[in-house]
Each structure stands twice: as structure tokens, then as C-alpha cells.
C-alpha atoms as a PDB file:
ATOM      1  CA  MET A   1     217.602 132.932  11.666  1.00  0.00           C
ATOM      2  CA  ILE A   2     214.916 135.432  11.045  1.00  0.00           C
ATOM      3  CA  ASN A   3     214.078 136.147   7.367  1.00  0.00           C
ATOM      4  CA  GLY A   4     212.632 139.567   7.407  1.00  0.00           C
ATOM      5  CA  ILE A   5     209.994 141.504   9.170  1.00  0.00           C
ATOM      6  CA  GLY A   6     207.178 138.964   8.450  1.00  0.00           C
ATOM      7  CA  ASP A   7     208.987 136.277  10.341  1.00  0.00           C
ATOM      8  CA  TYR A   8     209.762 138.601  13.201  1.00  0.00           C
ATOM      9  CA  MET A   9     206.064 139.586  13.472  1.00  0.00           C
ATOM     10  CA  ARG A  10     204.937 135.950  13.441  1.00  0.00           C
ATOM     11  CA  MET A  11     207.372 135.132  16.215  1.00  0.00           C
ATOM     12  CA  ASN A  12     206.205 138.108  18.302  1.00  0.00           C
ATOM     13  CA  LYS A  13     202.581 137.019  17.834  1.00  0.00           C
ATOM     14  CA  LYS A  14     203.423 133.479  18.889  1.00  0.00           C
ATOM     15  CA  LEU A  15     205.259 134.810  21.937  1.00  0.00           C
ATOM     16  CA  ILE A  16     202.406 137.167  22.833  1.00  0.00           C
ATOM     17  CA  ILE A  17     199.806 134.387  22.365  1.00  0.00           C
ATOM     18  CA  SER A  18     201.945 132.023  24.499  1.00  0.00           C
ATOM     19  CA  LEU A  19     202.227 134.617  27.255  1.00  0.00           C
ATOM     20  CA  VAL A  20     198.532 135.380  27.177  1.00  0.00           C
ATOM     21  CA  LEU A  21     197.709 131.659  27.372  1.00  0.00           C
ATOM     22  CA  CYS A  22     200.118 131.152  30.280  1.00  0.00           C
ATOM     23  CA  ILE A  23     198.654 134.095  32.177  1.00  0.00           C
ATOM     24  CA  GLY A  24     195.155 132.793  31.484  1.00  0.00           C
ATOM     25  CA  VAL A  25     196.081 129.280  32.758  1.00  0.00           C
ATOM     26  CA  LEU A  26     197.655 130.916  35.870  1.00  0.00           C
ATOM     27  CA  PHE A  27     194.488 132.974  36.618  1.00  0.00           C
ATOM     28  CA  MET A  28     192.304 129.859  36.092  1.00  0.00           C
ATOM     29  CA  ALA A  29     194.508 127.857  38.479  1.00  0.00           C
ATOM     30  CA  VAL A  30     194.344 130.573  41.092  1.00  0.00           C
ATOM     31  CA  GLY A  31     190.601 130.989  40.626  1.00  0.00           C
ATOM     32  CA  TYR A  32     189.980 127.268  40.801  1.00  0.00           C
ATOM     33  CA  SER A  33     192.017 126.878  43.979  1.00  0.00           C
ATOM     34  CA  PHE A  34     190.313 129.917  45.501  1.00  0.00           C
ATOM     35  CA  LEU A  35     186.811 128.587  44.702  1.00  0.00           C
ATOM     36  CA  MET A  36     187.663 125.057  45.775  1.00  0.00           C
ATOM     37  CA  THR A  37     189.136 126.076  49.149  1.00  0.00           C
ATOM     38  CA  GLU A  38     186.993 124.808  51.928  1.00  0.00           C
ATOM     39  CA  LEU A  39     187.245 126.334  55.398  1.00  0.00           C
ATOM     40  CA  LYS A  40     186.554 123.860  58.143  1.00  0.00           C
ATOM     41  CA  ILE A  41     186.678 124.755  61.809  1.00  0.00           C
ATOM     42  CA  ASN A  42     186.477 121.795  64.049  1.00  0.00           C
ATOM     43  CA  GLY A  43     186.697 121.930  67.824  1.00  0.00           C
ATOM     44  CA  SER A  44     184.831 122.102  71.009  1.00  0.00           C
ATOM     45  CA  ALA A  45     184.874 124.194  74.111  1.00  0.00           C
ATOM     46  CA  SER A  46     183.947 123.363  77.657  1.00  0.00           C
ATOM     47  CA  ILE A  47     183.293 126.199  79.981  1.00  0.00           C
ATOM     48  CA  SER A  48     182.470 125.353  83.538  1.00  0.00           C
ATOM     49  CA  SER A  49     182.070 127.489  86.569  1.00  0.00           C
ATOM     50  CA  THR A  50     180.982 126.951  90.130  1.00  0.00           C
ATOM     51  CA  TRP A  51     179.045 129.019  92.631  1.00  0.00           C
ATOM     52  CA  ASP A  52     180.187 128.335  96.184  1.00  0.00           C
ATOM     53  CA  ILE A  53     180.147 131.345  98.527  1.00  0.00           C
ATOM     54  CA  ARG A  54     179.679 130.434 102.144  1.00  0.00           C
ATOM     55  CA  VAL A  55     180.223 131.254 105.757  1.00  0.00           C
ATOM     56  CA  THR A  56     183.029 128.841 106.843  1.00  0.00           C
ATOM     57  CA  GLY A  57     183.514 129.727 110.476  1.00  0.00           C
ATOM     58  CA  ILE A  58     182.800 131.903 113.517  1.00  0.00           C
ATOM     59  CA  SER A  59     185.345 132.483 116.260  1.00  0.00           C
ATOM     60  CA  GLU A  60     185.143 134.588 119.430  1.00  0.00           C
ATOM     61  CA  THR A  61     187.782 137.344 119.355  1.00  0.00           C
ATOM     62  CA  SER A  62     187.239 139.070 122.765  1.00  0.00           C
ATOM     63  CA  ARG A  63     185.065 139.052 125.913  1.00  0.00           C
ATOM     64  CA  THR A  64     184.779 141.755 128.533  1.00  0.00           C
ATOM     65  CA  GLY A  65     183.141 141.519 131.929  1.00  0.00           C
ATOM     66  CA  SER A  66     180.455 138.940 132.498  1.00  0.00           C
ATOM     67  CA  ALA A  67     179.456 138.447 128.879  1.00  0.00           C
ATOM     68  CA  TYR A  68     178.715 134.910 127.727  1.00  0.00           C
ATOM     69  CA  ASN A  69     177.097 132.933 124.975  1.00  0.00           C
ATOM     70  CA  ILE A  70     173.628 131.537 125.688  1.00  0.00           C
ATOM     71  CA  GLU A  71     174.460 129.077 122.920  1.00  0.00           C
ATOM     72  CA  GLU A  72     177.515 128.773 120.685  1.00  0.00           C
ATOM     73  CA  PRO A  73     177.370 130.848 117.476  1.00  0.00           C
ATOM     74  CA  ARG A  74     176.070 128.831 114.525  1.00  0.00           C
ATOM     75  CA  TYR A  75     176.232 129.293 110.815  1.00  0.00           C
ATOM     76  CA  THR A  76     174.892 128.022 107.519  1.00  0.00           C
ATOM     77  CA  ALA A  77     176.158 128.775 104.077  1.00  0.00           C
ATOM     78  CA  ASN A  78     174.706 132.289 104.079  1.00  0.00           C
ATOM     79  CA  THR A  79     173.808 133.107 107.668  1.00  0.00           C
ATOM     80  CA  ALA A  80     175.538 133.648 111.035  1.00  0.00           C
ATOM     81  CA  LYS A  81     173.553 133.392 114.271  1.00  0.00           C
ATOM     82  CA  PHE A  82     174.430 134.679 117.720  1.00  0.00           C
ATOM     83  CA  ASN A  83     172.705 134.496 121.111  1.00  0.00           C
ATOM     84  CA  VAL A  84     174.506 136.354 123.905  1.00  0.00           C
ATOM     85  CA  ALA A  85     173.949 137.533 127.418  1.00  0.00           C
ATOM     86  CA  LEU A  86     175.490 140.712 128.830  1.00  0.00           C
ATOM     87  CA  VAL A  87     174.996 141.135 132.562  1.00  0.00           C
ATOM     88  CA  ASN A  88     176.526 144.539 133.492  1.00  0.00           C
ATOM     89  CA  PRO A  89     177.217 147.853 131.871  1.00  0.00           C
ATOM     90  CA  GLY A  90     180.642 147.605 130.161  1.00  0.00           C
ATOM     91  CA  ASP A  91     180.174 143.974 129.150  1.00  0.00           C
ATOM     92  CA  SER A  92     180.904 143.095 125.553  1.00  0.00           C
ATOM     93  CA  ILE A  93     181.652 140.103 123.359  1.00  0.00           C
ATOM     94  CA  SER A  94     183.122 140.080 119.821  1.00  0.00           C
ATOM     95  CA  PHE A  95     183.241 137.560 116.973  1.00  0.00           C
ATOM     96  CA  LYS A  96     184.939 137.100 113.630  1.00  0.00           C
ATOM     97  CA  VAL A  97     182.902 135.524 110.875  1.00  0.00           C
ATOM     98  CA  THR A  98     184.870 134.013 107.927  1.00  0.00           C
ATOM     99  CA  ILE A  99     183.297 134.041 104.452  1.00  0.00           C
ATOM    100  CA  GLU A 100     184.975 132.227 101.592  1.00  0.00           C
ATOM    101  CA  ASN A 101     184.401 132.109  97.833  1.00  0.00           C
ATOM    102  CA  LYS A 102     185.282 128.437  97.042  1.00  0.00           C
ATOM    103  CA  GLY A 103     183.775 128.751  93.549  1.00  0.00           C
ATOM    104  CA  THR A 104     185.103 130.139  90.304  1.00  0.00           C
ATOM    105  CA  LEU A 105     182.749 133.093  89.865  1.00  0.00           C
ATOM    106  CA  THR A 106     183.240 136.517  91.442  1.00  0.00           C
ATOM    107  CA  ALA A 107     180.350 137.426  93.774  1.00  0.00           C
ATOM    108  CA  ILE A 108     178.998 140.712  94.956  1.00  0.00           C
ATOM    109  CA  LEU A 109     177.161 141.298  98.193  1.00  0.00           C
ATOM    110  CA  ASN A 110     173.650 142.206  97.075  1.00  0.00           C
ATOM    111  CA  SER A 111     172.321 142.722 100.641  1.00  0.00           C
ATOM    112  CA  MET A 112     172.963 141.991 104.292  1.00  0.00           C
ATOM    113  CA  ASP A 113     169.867 141.231 106.301  1.00  0.00           C
ATOM    114  CA  ILE A 114     170.411 141.915 110.008  1.00  0.00           C
ATOM    115  CA  THR A 115     167.632 140.846 112.426  1.00  0.00           C
ATOM    116  CA  THR A 116     167.647 140.948 116.236  1.00  0.00           C
ATOM    117  CA  SER A 117     165.329 139.964 119.036  1.00  0.00           C
ATOM    118  CA  GLY A 118     165.608 140.422 122.764  1.00  0.00           C
ATOM    119  CA  THR A 119     166.518 143.181 125.171  1.00  0.00           C
ATOM    120  CA  SER A 120     167.242 146.735 124.054  1.00  0.00           C
ATOM    121  CA  ALA A 121     170.061 146.824 126.616  1.00  0.00           C
ATOM    122  CA  ILE A 122     172.343 144.936 124.161  1.00  0.00           C
ATOM    123  CA  ILE A 123     173.528 146.644 120.967  1.00  0.00           C
ATOM    124  CA  TYR A 124     174.973 144.642 118.076  1.00  0.00           C
ATOM    125  CA  GLU A 125     177.387 146.191 115.645  1.00  0.00           C
ATOM    126  CA  VAL A 126     178.193 144.409 112.367  1.00  0.00           C
ATOM    127  CA  THR A 127     181.169 145.662 110.331  1.00  0.00           C
ATOM    128  CA  GLY A 128     183.650 144.498 107.709  1.00  0.00           C
ATOM    129  CA  LEU A 129     181.277 144.124 104.768  1.00  0.00           C
ATOM    130  CA  VAL A 130     178.817 146.481 103.014  1.00  0.00           C
ATOM    131  CA  ASP A 131     176.380 146.026 100.147  1.00  0.00           C
ATOM    132  CA  GLY A 132     178.340 146.105  96.873  1.00  0.00           C
ATOM    133  CA  ASP A 133     181.546 144.469  98.221  1.00  0.00           C
ATOM    134  CA  THR A 134     182.984 141.868  95.864  1.00  0.00           C
ATOM    135  CA  LEU A 135     184.390 138.441  96.689  1.00  0.00           C
ATOM    136  CA  ALA A 136     186.635 137.045  93.966  1.00  0.00           C
ATOM    137  CA  ALA A 137     187.160 133.327  93.378  1.00  0.00           C
ATOM    138  CA  GLY A 138     189.337 131.926  96.144  1.00  0.00           C
ATOM    139  CA  GLU A 139     189.096 135.092  98.248  1.00  0.00           C
ATOM    140  CA  VAL A 140     188.238 135.185 101.946  1.00  0.00           C
ATOM    141  CA  LYS A 141     186.511 138.119 103.690  1.00  0.00           C
ATOM    142  CA  THR A 142     185.832 138.741 107.353  1.00  0.00           C
ATOM    143  CA  LEU A 143     182.726 140.093 109.019  1.00  0.00           C
ATOM    144  CA  TYR A 144     183.003 141.367 112.570  1.00  0.00           C
ATOM    145  CA  VAL A 145     180.168 141.210 115.127  1.00  0.00           C
ATOM    146  CA  THR A 146     180.272 142.949 118.494  1.00  0.00           C
ATOM    147  CA  ALA A 147     177.630 142.929 121.212  1.00  0.00           C
ATOM    148  CA  THR A 148     177.891 145.674 123.848  1.00  0.00           C
ATOM    149  CA  TYR A 149     175.858 146.601 126.879  1.00  0.00           C
ATOM    150  CA  ASP A 150     174.068 149.882 126.061  1.00  0.00           C
ATOM    151  CA  SER A 151     175.752 152.562 128.224  1.00  0.00           C
ATOM    152  CA  ASN A 152     172.589 154.698 127.993  1.00  0.00           C
ATOM    153  CA  GLN A 153     170.444 151.939 129.632  1.00  0.00           C
ATOM    154  CA  ILE A 154     169.125 153.450 132.826  1.00  0.00           C
ATOM    155  CA  ALA A 155     167.145 150.615 134.312  1.00  0.00           C
ATOM    156  CA  ASP A 156     168.609 147.192 134.977  1.00  0.00           C
ATOM    157  CA  PRO A 157     166.789 145.042 132.376  1.00  0.00           C
ATOM    158  CA  TYR A 158     165.240 141.791 133.547  1.00  0.00           C
ATOM    159  CA  ASP A 159     166.118 140.042 130.281  1.00  0.00           C
ATOM    160  CA  ARG A 160     169.812 140.516 129.350  1.00  0.00           C
ATOM    161  CA  VAL A 161     169.744 138.267 126.268  1.00  0.00           C
ATOM    162  CA  LYS A 162     169.660 139.208 122.595  1.00  0.00           C
ATOM    163  CA  ARG A 163     169.739 137.193 119.414  1.00  0.00           C
ATOM    164  CA  LEU A 164     171.229 138.277 116.134  1.00  0.00           C
ATOM    165  CA  THR A 165     170.965 136.739 112.702  1.00  0.00           C
ATOM    166  CA  VAL A 166     173.074 138.085 109.800  1.00  0.00           C
ATOM    167  CA  GLY A 167     171.882 136.854 106.353  1.00  0.00           C
ATOM    168  CA  LEU A 168     174.219 137.424 103.367  1.00  0.00           C
ATOM    169  CA  ASP A 169     172.742 137.574  99.861  1.00  0.00           C
ATOM    170  CA  TRP A 170     175.548 137.144  97.287  1.00  0.00           C
ATOM    171  CA  VAL A 171     174.916 137.415  93.534  1.00  0.00           C
ATOM    172  CA  GLN A 172     177.137 136.878  90.522  1.00  0.00           C
ATOM    173  CA  TYR A 173     179.328 139.879  89.780  1.00  0.00           C
ATOM    174  CA  THR A 174     178.556 141.228  86.283  1.00  0.00           C
ATOM    175  CA  ASN A 175     180.363 144.605  86.504  1.00  0.00           C
ATOM    176  CA  GLN A 176     176.999 146.351  86.761  1.00  0.00           C
ATOM    177  CA  GLU A 177     175.487 148.297  89.540  1.00  0.00           C
ATOM    178  CA  ILE A 178     173.201 146.570  91.962  1.00  0.00           C
ATOM    179  CA  THR A 179     169.599 147.695  91.650  1.00  0.00           C
ATOM    180  CA  LYS A 180     167.330 147.443  94.692  1.00  0.00           C
END
């Protein structure tokens, strides 16, 4: 039992001191655990990608008149080569060139280098791809090549043969414009 105001005050002081000490211990415990916490990040990452864009095939799609191959079309990873003969006006021969991205990186066609040699009586047309086209991983694109006898050719040319080489320069797609 409390004997007066003096005892009541002493008990209140003890209670207040006890509360202050408990709060102090609590803050010290939280501060200690905060300062002693160690953040460790362990791990590893392995990122791998492959670059494998290539011509994978050439097939003849049509032939009109006396057109024929001097030699079968050939290809390497980044070129397609043709050597045809067209004998008469109206002759033509067409091909389909398959290009595959067997890698894991998206590619963009930086440039297509088209070179020819031979008679002016044969005109090659290359369609299906243009600079800036993309080729995603696993995607297949088709390039079309057609050789036609020039209908404006007046004289019968002695040499009715023409070669064509299509070189494809692919670069890694970075979502930026190609600068030439």
C-alpha cells in the first residue's frame, strides 16, 4: 500500500526510469542489429550469344524459253552466285535464295553488294531484301533473283552469258540507324 505522496512519487520515478532504460536497451538492440547487418550478394551469370547468319540454299523457281544455267548457282555464308545464259528475247530464269539466322542475335542488313559481268542483253533483278531489313534469331528470309533477256536489245548479242554475285553484309541489330 502506498503511504502518501512521497511513496507515490518514488514509484513513478522508478517506473519512468525503468521505461526509459527499456526503451534505451531496445534502441541499442535495434542499432546494434542494424550496424551488424551484412549484405552479401553471391551469384554468377553466364550470358552467351551466337552469330550465325547465312545463306542456306538456292533453288530455281521458274524458267522460260531457252534459258539455262552455265553452272549451278553456288553460295557461301554471305554470298549467292549465278551464271546464266539466255538465248532469245523473252527468255528468263528465276531463283529463290534462303537466308537463315541460326544464331541468337538479331541481325540487320547493313548492305547488299550486287556485282555483274557479261552481256548487257541480260538484266538481273534482285528483290525481297533491302538495306535495313532485320533478321531475328531463328528467322528465315527469302531473296529472289530473276534474269531476263533485255527486250530493248536490238542486236543479237554474241555473248549471251552473265554472272551475278550478291554479297550480304549483316551486322548486329542495336536499335540504332545504320550509318553509311
